[in-house]
Amino acid sequence: MEAIARRKLLAANYNGLRIDLAPHLLFERHGDLFVSALNLAKNWRSDEDPRLGQFKLAGLGAPEVLDAPFEPLPGYAPDAPRETDTVLLSV
């Protein structure tokens, strides 16, 4: 929540790797918490625009708010990924 509210990067362990995320949205899906975030380590094809991935909070180990700020993606809209999701917090 702090990383979203302050627009700070978030480092966490995910699938055995340490990744940096730019979290844009916190939402609830079927009672579980998720974050929509830009994975800064992901390699994008040259013709592909970066987009937010969805990460289950329970799967993000040892999260740490970094001192590095981020700007939301251009055209970002704080909409829930699915109709049944509930938005809790957005940049």
C-alpha atoms as a PDB file:
ATOM      1  CA  MET A   1       0.000   0.000   0.000  1.00  0.00           C
ATOM      2  CA  GLU A   2       2.828   2.365   0.871  1.00  0.00           C
ATOM      3  CA  ALA A   3       4.551   1.815  -2.488  1.00  0.00           C
ATOM      4  CA  ILE A   4       1.339   2.642  -4.384  1.00  0.00           C
ATOM      5  CA  ALA A   5       0.437   5.655  -2.258  1.00  0.00           C
ATOM      6  CA  ARG A   6       3.953   7.119  -2.473  1.00  0.00           C
ATOM      7  CA  ARG A   7       4.658   5.953  -6.068  1.00  0.00           C
ATOM      8  CA  LYS A   8       7.791   4.109  -5.003  1.00  0.00           C
ATOM      9  CA  LEU A   9       9.278   0.960  -6.515  1.00  0.00           C
ATOM     10  CA  LEU A  10       8.767  -2.318  -4.714  1.00  0.00           C
ATOM     11  CA  ALA A  11      11.382  -5.098  -4.607  1.00  0.00           C
ATOM     12  CA  ALA A  12      10.203  -8.632  -3.839  1.00  0.00           C
ATOM     13  CA  ASN A  13      11.084 -12.285  -4.307  1.00  0.00           C
ATOM     14  CA  TYR A  14       8.899 -13.873  -6.984  1.00  0.00           C
ATOM     15  CA  ASN A  15       9.351 -17.370  -8.433  1.00  0.00           C
ATOM     16  CA  GLY A  16      12.874 -17.556  -7.050  1.00  0.00           C
ATOM     17  CA  LEU A  17      13.982 -14.190  -8.441  1.00  0.00           C
ATOM     18  CA  ARG A  18      14.324 -10.754  -6.873  1.00  0.00           C
ATOM     19  CA  ILE A  19      12.292  -8.352  -9.025  1.00  0.00           C
ATOM     20  CA  ASP A  20      11.546  -4.634  -8.986  1.00  0.00           C
ATOM     21  CA  LEU A  21       7.948  -3.632  -9.564  1.00  0.00           C
ATOM     22  CA  ALA A  22       6.203  -0.313 -10.182  1.00  0.00           C
ATOM     23  CA  PRO A  23       2.882  -1.030  -8.417  1.00  0.00           C
ATOM     24  CA  HIS A  24      -0.111   0.797  -9.880  1.00  0.00           C
ATOM     25  CA  LEU A  25      -3.179  -0.922  -8.402  1.00  0.00           C
ATOM     26  CA  LEU A  26      -4.125  -3.024  -5.360  1.00  0.00           C
ATOM     27  CA  PHE A  27      -7.264  -5.105  -5.810  1.00  0.00           C
ATOM     28  CA  GLU A  28      -9.160  -8.031  -4.330  1.00  0.00           C
ATOM     29  CA  ARG A  29     -10.168 -11.113  -6.299  1.00  0.00           C
ATOM     30  CA  HIS A  30     -12.141 -13.929  -4.634  1.00  0.00           C
ATOM     31  CA  GLY A  31     -10.883 -12.864  -1.198  1.00  0.00           C
ATOM     32  CA  ASP A  32      -7.204 -12.704  -2.226  1.00  0.00           C
ATOM     33  CA  LEU A  33      -5.135  -9.528  -2.634  1.00  0.00           C
ATOM     34  CA  PHE A  34      -3.359  -8.794  -5.912  1.00  0.00           C
ATOM     35  CA  VAL A  35      -1.248  -5.955  -7.239  1.00  0.00           C
ATOM     36  CA  SER A  36      -1.130  -4.771 -10.849  1.00  0.00           C
ATOM     37  CA  ALA A  37       2.451  -3.694 -11.446  1.00  0.00           C
ATOM     38  CA  LEU A  38       5.010  -3.089 -14.157  1.00  0.00           C
ATOM     39  CA  ASN A  39       7.801  -5.667 -13.880  1.00  0.00           C
ATOM     40  CA  LEU A  40      10.904  -3.614 -14.641  1.00  0.00           C
ATOM     41  CA  ALA A  41      12.991  -6.722 -15.435  1.00  0.00           C
ATOM     42  CA  LYS A  42      10.672  -7.984 -18.172  1.00  0.00           C
ATOM     43  CA  ASN A  43      12.029  -7.808 -21.719  1.00  0.00           C
ATOM     44  CA  TRP A  44       9.451  -6.376 -24.117  1.00  0.00           C
ATOM     45  CA  ARG A  45       9.485  -6.918 -27.855  1.00  0.00           C
ATOM     46  CA  SER A  46      10.224  -3.688 -29.694  1.00  0.00           C
ATOM     47  CA  ASP A  47       6.666  -3.490 -31.082  1.00  0.00           C
ATOM     48  CA  GLU A  48       5.038  -4.275 -27.730  1.00  0.00           C
ATOM     49  CA  ASP A  49       4.046  -1.601 -25.219  1.00  0.00           C
ATOM     50  CA  PRO A  50       4.874  -2.345 -21.559  1.00  0.00           C
ATOM     51  CA  ARG A  51       1.801  -3.384 -19.606  1.00  0.00           C
ATOM     52  CA  LEU A  52       0.921  -4.243 -16.059  1.00  0.00           C
ATOM     53  CA  GLY A  53       1.126  -7.783 -14.766  1.00  0.00           C
ATOM     54  CA  GLN A  54      -0.969  -9.148 -11.940  1.00  0.00           C
ATOM     55  CA  PHE A  55       0.845 -10.521  -8.901  1.00  0.00           C
ATOM     56  CA  LYS A  56      -0.799 -12.270  -5.971  1.00  0.00           C
ATOM     57  CA  LEU A  57       0.479 -10.594  -2.804  1.00  0.00           C
ATOM     58  CA  ALA A  58       0.890 -13.943  -1.059  1.00  0.00           C
ATOM     59  CA  GLY A  59       3.408 -14.885  -3.780  1.00  0.00           C
ATOM     60  CA  LEU A  60       5.610 -11.829  -3.252  1.00  0.00           C
ATOM     61  CA  GLY A  61       8.217 -12.702  -0.631  1.00  0.00           C
ATOM     62  CA  ALA A  62      10.221 -10.251   1.478  1.00  0.00           C
ATOM     63  CA  PRO A  63       8.669  -7.119  -0.067  1.00  0.00           C
ATOM     64  CA  GLU A  64      10.656  -3.911   0.381  1.00  0.00           C
ATOM     65  CA  VAL A  65       9.621  -0.385  -0.590  1.00  0.00           C
ATOM     66  CA  LEU A  66      12.548   1.230  -2.375  1.00  0.00           C
ATOM     67  CA  ASP A  67      13.427   4.914  -2.317  1.00  0.00           C
ATOM     68  CA  ALA A  68      13.192   5.097  -6.126  1.00  0.00           C
ATOM     69  CA  PRO A  69      10.080   6.850  -7.497  1.00  0.00           C
ATOM     70  CA  PHE A  70       8.171   5.856 -10.638  1.00  0.00           C
ATOM     71  CA  GLU A  71       5.670   7.492 -12.965  1.00  0.00           C
ATOM     72  CA  PRO A  72       2.491   5.598 -13.886  1.00  0.00           C
ATOM     73  CA  LEU A  73       2.338   4.192 -17.397  1.00  0.00           C
ATOM     74  CA  PRO A  74       0.983   6.661 -19.974  1.00  0.00           C
ATOM     75  CA  GLY A  75      -2.727   6.097 -20.433  1.00  0.00           C
ATOM     76  CA  TYR A  76      -3.044   4.162 -17.166  1.00  0.00           C
ATOM     77  CA  ALA A  77      -6.656   3.894 -15.973  1.00  0.00           C
ATOM     78  CA  PRO A  78      -7.373   2.681 -12.421  1.00  0.00           C
ATOM     79  CA  ASP A  79      -9.869   0.041 -13.541  1.00  0.00           C
ATOM     80  CA  ALA A  80     -10.197  -3.428 -12.053  1.00  0.00           C
ATOM     81  CA  PRO A  81      -8.748  -6.118 -14.353  1.00  0.00           C
ATOM     82  CA  ARG A  82     -12.016  -8.111 -14.173  1.00  0.00           C
ATOM     83  CA  GLU A  83     -15.613  -7.084 -13.491  1.00  0.00           C
ATOM     84  CA  THR A  84     -15.684  -9.129 -10.300  1.00  0.00           C
ATOM     85  CA  ASP A  85     -12.467  -7.603  -8.880  1.00  0.00           C
ATOM     86  CA  THR A  86     -12.637  -4.852  -6.261  1.00  0.00           C
ATOM     87  CA  VAL A  87     -10.198  -1.935  -6.505  1.00  0.00           C
ATOM     88  CA  LEU A  88      -8.718  -1.034  -3.109  1.00  0.00           C
ATOM     89  CA  LEU A  89      -5.985   1.496  -3.940  1.00  0.00           C
ATOM     90  CA  SER A  90      -4.501   3.080  -7.063  1.00  0.00           C
ATOM     91  CA  VAL A  91      -1.804   5.600  -7.984  1.00  0.00           C
END
